[in-house]
């Protein structure tokens, strides 16, 4: 079938721009991309800056973020989320009854003093420790991940003062801890070193 004139015309290439039209187009493009000196410096800085790859979080950072999230978002108890402070207060209210006792959910903890072979053993309850100390949180997370069993071991600066720190984790009784610390300068130093080593946040309570 013979093509119509309009169909033939539609298939022809577009005619070149006239000199006047090309000049107008060039001027429009030029005006569109005129930048101030400050904008040019910004563009230059951006183009010369290396592209940074996403930051790769370490395992420690991931666990720390998880721990902070629990403090901010709450603690899961029997399928429900309860405020962090509320959970700690509940634990402290029963702490005196279970501290260093071999109850159903207690696990053995062997505590070594840094630089020596001295150690002591305690019965501890993971929830009391992991919710108040990042280092204990990290320790028990790794134990659960690796499905480890048996005696749990940890190293601290002062073995002599660990029982006092443990008492605080179970009762939240700051006044008693301060009272004991005032009696002995070395004991006070050991308490503070253990709190720092275990990353216990006393300001939260």
C-alpha atoms as a PDB file:
ATOM      1  CA  UNK A   1       0.000   0.000   0.000  1.00  0.00           C
ATOM      2  CA  UNK A   2       1.402   3.373  -0.950  1.00  0.00           C
ATOM      3  CA  UNK A   3       2.446   5.472   2.059  1.00  0.00           C
ATOM      4  CA  UNK A   4       0.778   8.831   2.476  1.00  0.00           C
ATOM      5  CA  UNK A   5       2.701  12.063   2.278  1.00  0.00           C
ATOM      6  CA  UNK A   6       2.302  12.645   6.006  1.00  0.00           C
ATOM      7  CA  UNK A   7       3.761   9.214   6.851  1.00  0.00           C
ATOM      8  CA  UNK A   8       6.784   9.798   4.646  1.00  0.00           C
ATOM      9  CA  UNK A   9       7.317  13.235   6.156  1.00  0.00           C
ATOM     10  CA  UNK A  10       7.174  11.840   9.697  1.00  0.00           C
ATOM     11  CA  UNK A  11      10.042   9.461   8.947  1.00  0.00           C
ATOM     12  CA  UNK A  12      12.382  12.169   7.686  1.00  0.00           C
ATOM     13  CA  UNK A  13      15.125  13.447  10.069  1.00  0.00           C
ATOM     14  CA  UNK A  14      14.541  16.788  11.744  1.00  0.00           C
ATOM     15  CA  UNK A  15      16.118  19.706   9.913  1.00  0.00           C
ATOM     16  CA  UNK A  16      19.194  21.279  11.506  1.00  0.00           C
ATOM     17  CA  UNK A  17      18.654  24.272  13.737  1.00  0.00           C
ATOM     18  CA  UNK A  18      19.022  27.604  12.125  1.00  0.00           C
ATOM     19  CA  UNK A  19      21.953  29.738  13.391  1.00  0.00           C
ATOM     20  CA  UNK A  20      19.538  32.007  15.245  1.00  0.00           C
ATOM     21  CA  UNK A  21      17.788  29.138  17.006  1.00  0.00           C
ATOM     22  CA  UNK A  22      21.104  27.523  18.000  1.00  0.00           C
ATOM     23  CA  UNK A  23      22.395  30.788  19.432  1.00  0.00           C
ATOM     24  CA  UNK A  24      19.227  31.188  21.529  1.00  0.00           C
ATOM     25  CA  UNK A  25      19.542  27.636  22.832  1.00  0.00           C
ATOM     26  CA  UNK A  26      23.207  28.108  23.769  1.00  0.00           C
ATOM     27  CA  UNK A  27      22.432  31.310  25.653  1.00  0.00           C
ATOM     28  CA  UNK A  28      19.579  29.661  27.570  1.00  0.00           C
ATOM     29  CA  UNK A  29      21.790  26.778  28.605  1.00  0.00           C
ATOM     30  CA  UNK A  30      24.562  29.182  29.628  1.00  0.00           C
ATOM     31  CA  UNK A  31      22.200  31.222  31.805  1.00  0.00           C
ATOM     32  CA  UNK A  32      20.793  28.080  33.391  1.00  0.00           C
ATOM     33  CA  UNK A  33      24.225  26.977  34.641  1.00  0.00           C
ATOM     34  CA  UNK A  34      25.676  30.239  35.927  1.00  0.00           C
ATOM     35  CA  UNK A  35      26.905  29.698  39.528  1.00  0.00           C
ATOM     36  CA  UNK A  36      28.183  32.070  42.152  1.00  0.00           C
ATOM     37  CA  UNK A  37      31.762  31.780  43.401  1.00  0.00           C
ATOM     38  CA  UNK A  38      30.534  30.175  46.614  1.00  0.00           C
ATOM     39  CA  UNK A  39      28.493  27.585  44.705  1.00  0.00           C
ATOM     40  CA  UNK A  40      31.476  26.794  42.480  1.00  0.00           C
ATOM     41  CA  UNK A  41      33.685  26.250  45.556  1.00  0.00           C
ATOM     42  CA  UNK A  42      31.069  23.942  47.046  1.00  0.00           C
ATOM     43  CA  UNK A  43      30.885  21.913  43.834  1.00  0.00           C
ATOM     44  CA  UNK A  44      34.674  21.749  43.621  1.00  0.00           C
ATOM     45  CA  UNK A  45      34.942  20.537  47.236  1.00  0.00           C
ATOM     46  CA  UNK A  46      32.282  17.904  46.642  1.00  0.00           C
ATOM     47  CA  UNK A  47      33.912  16.584  43.482  1.00  0.00           C
ATOM     48  CA  UNK A  48      37.362  16.438  45.053  1.00  0.00           C
ATOM     49  CA  UNK A  49      36.187  14.673  48.240  1.00  0.00           C
ATOM     50  CA  UNK A  50      36.672  10.890  48.313  1.00  0.00           C
ATOM     51  CA  UNK A  51      33.550   8.775  48.536  1.00  0.00           C
ATOM     52  CA  UNK A  52      33.372   7.262  51.990  1.00  0.00           C
ATOM     53  CA  UNK A  53      32.313   3.649  52.337  1.00  0.00           C
ATOM     54  CA  UNK A  54      29.682   2.770  54.946  1.00  0.00           C
ATOM     55  CA  UNK A  55      31.096   2.356  58.467  1.00  0.00           C
ATOM     56  CA  UNK A  56      31.450  -1.303  59.411  1.00  0.00           C
ATOM     57  CA  UNK A  57      30.381  -1.777  63.026  1.00  0.00           C
ATOM     58  CA  UNK A  58      32.446  -4.119  65.165  1.00  0.00           C
ATOM     59  CA  UNK A  59      30.816  -6.913  67.143  1.00  0.00           C
ATOM     60  CA  UNK A  60      31.433  -4.914  70.310  1.00  0.00           C
ATOM     61  CA  UNK A  61      29.642  -1.887  68.818  1.00  0.00           C
ATOM     62  CA  UNK A  62      26.680  -4.018  67.783  1.00  0.00           C
ATOM     63  CA  UNK A  63      26.346  -5.462  71.297  1.00  0.00           C
ATOM     64  CA  UNK A  64      26.721  -2.020  72.852  1.00  0.00           C
ATOM     65  CA  UNK A  65      23.946  -0.648  70.637  1.00  0.00           C
ATOM     66  CA  UNK A  66      21.756  -3.591  71.612  1.00  0.00           C
ATOM     67  CA  UNK A  67      22.440  -2.919  75.302  1.00  0.00           C
ATOM     68  CA  UNK A  68      21.659   0.788  74.949  1.00  0.00           C
ATOM     69  CA  UNK A  69      18.462  -0.072  73.080  1.00  0.00           C
ATOM     70  CA  UNK A  70      17.306  -2.198  76.024  1.00  0.00           C
ATOM     71  CA  UNK A  71      17.925   0.697  78.396  1.00  0.00           C
ATOM     72  CA  UNK A  72      15.996   3.089  76.164  1.00  0.00           C
ATOM     73  CA  UNK A  73      13.183   0.873  74.840  1.00  0.00           C
ATOM     74  CA  UNK A  74      12.600  -1.447  77.794  1.00  0.00           C
ATOM     75  CA  UNK A  75      13.100  -5.035  78.942  1.00  0.00           C
ATOM     76  CA  UNK A  76      11.158  -8.035  77.659  1.00  0.00           C
ATOM     77  CA  UNK A  77       9.592  -9.931  80.558  1.00  0.00           C
ATOM     78  CA  UNK A  78       7.277 -12.869  79.820  1.00  0.00           C
ATOM     79  CA  UNK A  79       6.581 -11.522  76.344  1.00  0.00           C
ATOM     80  CA  UNK A  80       5.846  -7.966  77.497  1.00  0.00           C
ATOM     81  CA  UNK A  81       8.104  -4.899  77.316  1.00  0.00           C
ATOM     82  CA  UNK A  82       8.475  -3.096  80.647  1.00  0.00           C
ATOM     83  CA  UNK A  83      10.428   0.126  81.313  1.00  0.00           C
ATOM     84  CA  UNK A  84      14.096  -0.487  82.086  1.00  0.00           C
ATOM     85  CA  UNK A  85      14.066   1.324  85.444  1.00  0.00           C
ATOM     86  CA  UNK A  86      10.933  -0.556  86.512  1.00  0.00           C
ATOM     87  CA  UNK A  87      12.607  -3.896  85.764  1.00  0.00           C
ATOM     88  CA  UNK A  88      15.707  -2.945  87.759  1.00  0.00           C
ATOM     89  CA  UNK A  89      13.641  -1.807  90.738  1.00  0.00           C
ATOM     90  CA  UNK A  90      11.784  -5.111  90.738  1.00  0.00           C
ATOM     91  CA  UNK A  91      15.065  -7.030  90.718  1.00  0.00           C
ATOM     92  CA  UNK A  92      16.474  -4.918  93.557  1.00  0.00           C
ATOM     93  CA  UNK A  93      13.354  -5.587  95.633  1.00  0.00           C
ATOM     94  CA  UNK A  94      14.111  -9.332  95.690  1.00  0.00           C
ATOM     95  CA  UNK A  95      17.897  -9.195  95.439  1.00  0.00           C
ATOM     96  CA  UNK A  96      18.635  -9.757  99.119  1.00  0.00           C
ATOM     97  CA  UNK A  97      16.705 -13.028  99.012  1.00  0.00           C
ATOM     98  CA  UNK A  98      18.658 -14.586  96.143  1.00  0.00           C
ATOM     99  CA  UNK A  99      22.157 -13.067  96.209  1.00  0.00           C
ATOM    100  CA  UNK A 100      24.825 -15.790  95.935  1.00  0.00           C
ATOM    101  CA  UNK A 101      22.216 -18.529  96.301  1.00  0.00           C
ATOM    102  CA  UNK A 102      21.922 -21.614  94.105  1.00  0.00           C
ATOM    103  CA  UNK A 103      18.390 -21.096  92.916  1.00  0.00           C
ATOM    104  CA  UNK A 104      16.852 -22.620  89.790  1.00  0.00           C
ATOM    105  CA  UNK A 105      18.102 -19.892  87.415  1.00  0.00           C
ATOM    106  CA  UNK A 106      21.494 -19.299  89.084  1.00  0.00           C
ATOM    107  CA  UNK A 107      24.774 -20.065  87.297  1.00  0.00           C
ATOM    108  CA  UNK A 108      28.311 -20.499  88.702  1.00  0.00           C
ATOM    109  CA  UNK A 109      30.670 -17.546  88.207  1.00  0.00           C
ATOM    110  CA  UNK A 110      34.431 -17.742  88.820  1.00  0.00           C
ATOM    111  CA  UNK A 111      35.975 -14.312  89.320  1.00  0.00           C
ATOM    112  CA  UNK A 112      39.718 -13.874  88.819  1.00  0.00           C
ATOM    113  CA  UNK A 113      41.816 -10.929  89.936  1.00  0.00           C
ATOM    114  CA  UNK A 114      43.879  -9.393  87.132  1.00  0.00           C
ATOM    115  CA  UNK A 115      47.567 -10.342  87.262  1.00  0.00           C
ATOM    116  CA  UNK A 116      47.139 -13.071  89.883  1.00  0.00           C
ATOM    117  CA  UNK A 117      45.910 -16.630  90.156  1.00  0.00           C
ATOM    118  CA  UNK A 118      43.472 -15.733  92.951  1.00  0.00           C
ATOM    119  CA  UNK A 119      39.784 -16.257  92.338  1.00  0.00           C
ATOM    120  CA  UNK A 120      36.454 -16.610  94.103  1.00  0.00           C
ATOM    121  CA  UNK A 121      33.289 -18.354  93.026  1.00  0.00           C
ATOM    122  CA  UNK A 122      29.714 -17.087  93.302  1.00  0.00           C
ATOM    123  CA  UNK A 123      26.230 -18.139  92.311  1.00  0.00           C
ATOM    124  CA  UNK A 124      24.778 -15.386  90.135  1.00  0.00           C
ATOM    125  CA  UNK A 125      21.589 -14.704  88.229  1.00  0.00           C
ATOM    126  CA  UNK A 126      22.222 -13.469  84.659  1.00  0.00           C
ATOM    127  CA  UNK A 127      19.358 -10.952  84.600  1.00  0.00           C
ATOM    128  CA  UNK A 128      20.712  -9.051  87.621  1.00  0.00           C
ATOM    129  CA  UNK A 129      24.138  -8.748  86.010  1.00  0.00           C
ATOM    130  CA  UNK A 130      23.366  -8.275  82.319  1.00  0.00           C
ATOM    131  CA  UNK A 131      20.846  -5.460  82.797  1.00  0.00           C
ATOM    132  CA  UNK A 132      23.245  -3.356  84.878  1.00  0.00           C
ATOM    133  CA  UNK A 133      26.684  -4.078  83.445  1.00  0.00           C
ATOM    134  CA  UNK A 134      27.645  -3.921  79.780  1.00  0.00           C
ATOM    135  CA  UNK A 135      30.583  -6.291  80.289  1.00  0.00           C
ATOM    136  CA  UNK A 136      28.329  -8.905  81.868  1.00  0.00           C
ATOM    137  CA  UNK A 137      25.776  -8.324  79.104  1.00  0.00           C
ATOM    138  CA  UNK A 138      28.500  -8.903  76.515  1.00  0.00           C
ATOM    139  CA  UNK A 139      29.795 -11.993  78.351  1.00  0.00           C
ATOM    140  CA  UNK A 140      26.412 -13.712  78.569  1.00  0.00           C
ATOM    141  CA  UNK A 141      25.510 -12.809  74.972  1.00  0.00           C
ATOM    142  CA  UNK A 142      28.688 -14.557  73.784  1.00  0.00           C
ATOM    143  CA  UNK A 143      27.996 -17.547  76.042  1.00  0.00           C
ATOM    144  CA  UNK A 144      24.488 -17.927  74.635  1.00  0.00           C
ATOM    145  CA  UNK A 145      25.712 -17.480  71.069  1.00  0.00           C
ATOM    146  CA  UNK A 146      28.349 -20.196  71.491  1.00  0.00           C
ATOM    147  CA  UNK A 147      26.059 -22.449  73.566  1.00  0.00           C
ATOM    148  CA  UNK A 148      28.701 -22.673  76.291  1.00  0.00           C
ATOM    149  CA  UNK A 149      28.050 -24.521  79.533  1.00  0.00           C
ATOM    150  CA  UNK A 150      29.814 -24.892  82.860  1.00  0.00           C
ATOM    151  CA  UNK A 151      31.493 -22.331  85.074  1.00  0.00           C
ATOM    152  CA  UNK A 152      31.548 -18.785  83.698  1.00  0.00           C
ATOM    153  CA  UNK A 153      34.799 -16.894  84.141  1.00  0.00           C
ATOM    154  CA  UNK A 154      35.575 -13.195  84.274  1.00  0.00           C
ATOM    155  CA  UNK A 155      38.588 -11.088  85.242  1.00  0.00           C
ATOM    156  CA  UNK A 156      38.410  -7.909  87.330  1.00  0.00           C
ATOM    157  CA  UNK A 157      40.906  -5.505  88.954  1.00  0.00           C
ATOM    158  CA  UNK A 158      39.946  -6.105  92.611  1.00  0.00           C
ATOM    159  CA  UNK A 159      38.778  -9.460  93.908  1.00  0.00           C
ATOM    160  CA  UNK A 160      38.471  -8.190  97.490  1.00  0.00           C
ATOM    161  CA  UNK A 161      35.791  -5.650  96.583  1.00  0.00           C
ATOM    162  CA  UNK A 162      33.816  -7.711  94.058  1.00  0.00           C
ATOM    163  CA  UNK A 163      31.341  -9.007  96.661  1.00  0.00           C
ATOM    164  CA  UNK A 164      30.440  -5.383  97.475  1.00  0.00           C
ATOM    165  CA  UNK A 165      29.863  -4.586  93.796  1.00  0.00           C
ATOM    166  CA  UNK A 166      27.761  -7.741  93.496  1.00  0.00           C
ATOM    167  CA  UNK A 167      25.749  -6.621  96.526  1.00  0.00           C
ATOM    168  CA  UNK A 168      25.014  -3.335  94.771  1.00  0.00           C
ATOM    169  CA  UNK A 169      23.901  -5.096  91.572  1.00  0.00           C
ATOM    170  CA  UNK A 170      21.451  -7.180  93.599  1.00  0.00           C
ATOM    171  CA  UNK A 171      20.103  -4.489  95.929  1.00  0.00           C
ATOM    172  CA  UNK A 172      20.815  -1.086  94.383  1.00  0.00           C
ATOM    173  CA  UNK A 173      21.794   0.119  97.878  1.00  0.00           C
ATOM    174  CA  UNK A 174      24.252   2.925  97.090  1.00  0.00           C
ATOM    175  CA  UNK A 175      24.351   4.187 100.661  1.00  0.00           C
ATOM    176  CA  UNK A 176      25.574   0.840 101.978  1.00  0.00           C
ATOM    177  CA  UNK A 177      28.270   0.688  99.306  1.00  0.00           C
ATOM    178  CA  UNK A 178      29.448   4.238 100.123  1.00  0.00           C
ATOM    179  CA  UNK A 179      29.418   3.453 103.828  1.00  0.00           C
ATOM    180  CA  UNK A 180      31.679   0.445 103.322  1.00  0.00           C
ATOM    181  CA  UNK A 181      33.949   2.341 100.915  1.00  0.00           C
ATOM    182  CA  UNK A 182      34.606   5.097 103.472  1.00  0.00           C
ATOM    183  CA  UNK A 183      36.109   2.577 105.898  1.00  0.00           C
ATOM    184  CA  UNK A 184      39.025   1.585 103.665  1.00  0.00           C
ATOM    185  CA  UNK A 185      40.732   3.656 100.980  1.00  0.00           C
ATOM    186  CA  UNK A 186      42.051   0.609  99.137  1.00  0.00           C
ATOM    187  CA  UNK A 187      38.638  -1.019  99.256  1.00  0.00           C
ATOM    188  CA  UNK A 188      37.071   2.161  97.883  1.00  0.00           C
ATOM    189  CA  UNK A 189      39.610   2.211  95.060  1.00  0.00           C
ATOM    190  CA  UNK A 190      38.865  -1.434  94.252  1.00  0.00           C
ATOM    191  CA  UNK A 191      35.126  -0.795  94.153  1.00  0.00           C
ATOM    192  CA  UNK A 192      35.545   2.075  91.711  1.00  0.00           C
ATOM    193  CA  UNK A 193      37.942   0.096  89.521  1.00  0.00           C
ATOM    194  CA  UNK A 194      35.505  -2.831  89.333  1.00  0.00           C
ATOM    195  CA  UNK A 195      32.581  -0.546  88.527  1.00  0.00           C
ATOM    196  CA  UNK A 196      34.584   1.045  85.718  1.00  0.00           C
ATOM    197  CA  UNK A 197      35.864  -2.305  84.412  1.00  0.00           C
ATOM    198  CA  UNK A 198      32.394  -3.876  84.358  1.00  0.00           C
ATOM    199  CA  UNK A 199      30.851  -0.675  82.973  1.00  0.00           C
ATOM    200  CA  UNK A 200      28.162  -0.420  85.612  1.00  0.00           C
ATOM    201  CA  UNK A 201      26.045   2.691  85.136  1.00  0.00           C
ATOM    202  CA  UNK A 202      25.248   3.796  88.702  1.00  0.00           C
ATOM    203  CA  UNK A 203      23.910   7.142  87.477  1.00  0.00           C
ATOM    204  CA  UNK A 204      20.873   5.401  85.996  1.00  0.00           C
ATOM    205  CA  UNK A 205      19.534   4.465  89.426  1.00  0.00           C
END
